[in-house]
Protein backbone atom coordinates (compact mmCIF):
# COMPACT_ATOMS: atom_id res chain seq x y z
CA UNK A 1 51.26 -15.96 12.38
CA UNK A 2 47.90 -14.34 11.91
CA UNK A 3 45.47 -15.76 9.40
CA UNK A 4 45.23 -13.91 6.12
CA UNK A 5 42.07 -11.93 5.58
CA UNK A 6 41.10 -11.34 1.97
CA UNK A 7 40.24 -7.69 2.47
CA UNK A 8 43.54 -6.81 4.08
CA UNK A 9 46.82 -6.36 2.26
CA UNK A 10 49.37 -9.19 2.18
CA UNK A 11 52.18 -6.96 3.29
CA UNK A 12 52.12 -4.15 5.79
CA UNK A 13 51.36 -0.86 4.10
CA UNK A 14 50.20 -2.43 0.83
CA UNK A 15 46.58 -1.79 -0.08
CA UNK A 16 44.58 -3.52 -2.73
CA UNK A 17 41.79 -1.57 -4.31
CA UNK A 18 39.49 -2.27 -7.16
CA UNK A 19 40.61 0.38 -9.60
CA UNK A 20 38.17 1.18 -12.39
CA UNK A 21 39.03 3.43 -15.28
CA UNK A 22 37.02 6.66 -15.33
CA UNK A 23 35.16 5.47 -18.45
CA UNK A 24 34.22 2.22 -16.69
CA UNK A 25 32.92 4.19 -13.71
CA UNK A 26 30.70 6.20 -16.04
CA UNK A 27 29.39 3.02 -17.66
CA UNK A 28 28.59 1.55 -14.26
CA UNK A 29 26.79 4.74 -13.24
CA UNK A 30 24.78 4.88 -16.49
CA UNK A 31 23.76 1.23 -16.22
CA UNK A 32 22.75 1.74 -12.58
CA UNK A 33 20.63 4.78 -13.42
CA UNK A 34 19.02 2.93 -16.32
CA UNK A 35 18.10 0.05 -14.03
CA UNK A 36 16.57 2.44 -11.50
CA UNK A 37 14.61 4.29 -14.17
CA UNK A 38 13.41 1.03 -15.70
CA UNK A 39 12.08 -0.14 -12.35
CA UNK A 40 10.16 3.08 -11.84
CA UNK A 41 8.51 2.85 -15.23
CA UNK A 42 6.65 -0.30 -14.24
CA UNK A 43 4.87 1.38 -11.32
CA UNK A 44 1.65 3.10 -12.29
CA UNK A 45 -0.66 4.92 -9.93
CA UNK A 46 -4.18 5.54 -11.20
CA UNK A 47 -5.26 9.15 -11.07
CA UNK A 48 -8.69 10.18 -9.83
CA UNK A 49 -11.30 11.27 -12.36
CA UNK A 50 -11.30 15.00 -12.97
CA UNK A 51 -15.02 15.21 -13.70
CA UNK A 52 -17.39 15.82 -10.78
CA UNK A 53 -19.14 12.79 -9.40
CA UNK A 54 -22.92 12.55 -9.23
CA UNK A 55 -24.53 12.78 -5.85
CA UNK A 56 -25.67 9.44 -4.46
CA UNK A 57 -27.67 10.85 -1.57
CA UNK A 58 -31.33 10.00 -1.21
CA UNK A 59 -34.12 12.43 -1.82
CA UNK A 60 -36.18 13.60 1.17
CA UNK A 61 -38.98 11.21 0.26
CA UNK A 62 -36.59 8.24 -0.07
CA UNK A 63 -34.92 9.16 3.24
CA UNK A 64 -38.29 9.23 5.01
CA UNK A 65 -39.23 5.88 3.49
CA UNK A 66 -35.91 4.29 4.58
CA UNK A 67 -36.24 5.64 8.12
CA UNK A 68 -39.80 4.34 8.35
CA UNK A 69 -38.70 0.87 7.20
CA UNK A 70 -35.88 0.80 9.77
CA UNK A 71 -38.25 1.92 12.53
CA UNK A 72 -40.72 -0.81 11.59
CA UNK A 73 -37.96 -3.46 11.59
CA UNK A 74 -36.76 -2.24 15.00
CA UNK A 75 -40.26 -2.40 16.47
CA UNK A 76 -40.96 -5.89 15.12
CA UNK A 77 -37.57 -7.09 16.32
CA UNK A 78 -38.29 -5.77 19.82
CA UNK A 79 -41.70 -7.48 19.81
CA UNK A 80 -40.17 -10.77 18.64
CA UNK A 81 -37.49 -10.55 21.33
CA UNK A 82 -40.13 -9.89 24.03
CA UNK A 83 -42.19 -12.88 22.85
CA UNK A 84 -39.13 -15.11 22.83
CA UNK A 85 -38.17 -14.04 26.37
CA UNK A 86 -41.71 -14.63 27.66
CA UNK A 87 -41.93 -18.07 26.05
CA UNK A 88 -38.56 -19.17 27.46
CA UNK A 89 -39.62 -18.38 31.05
């Protein structure tokens, strides 16, 4: 004799189904939709500001000053590296 499986019918041809009344089906559907809608309400995505942002770019004078500082740092770094190489030899 084959073992009984809970999802199969006890007798050949007999089917067991979970029958819900139409009103119960509606209640289940409404509760399910309410749960989905409730979960979506907790998610909030911040929107970007609608006003224009101020420009953060440097003026021509500030750009020139920054480039000059970087050039000076590069030159002194190269000189320091050359001195270090010469002293290690």
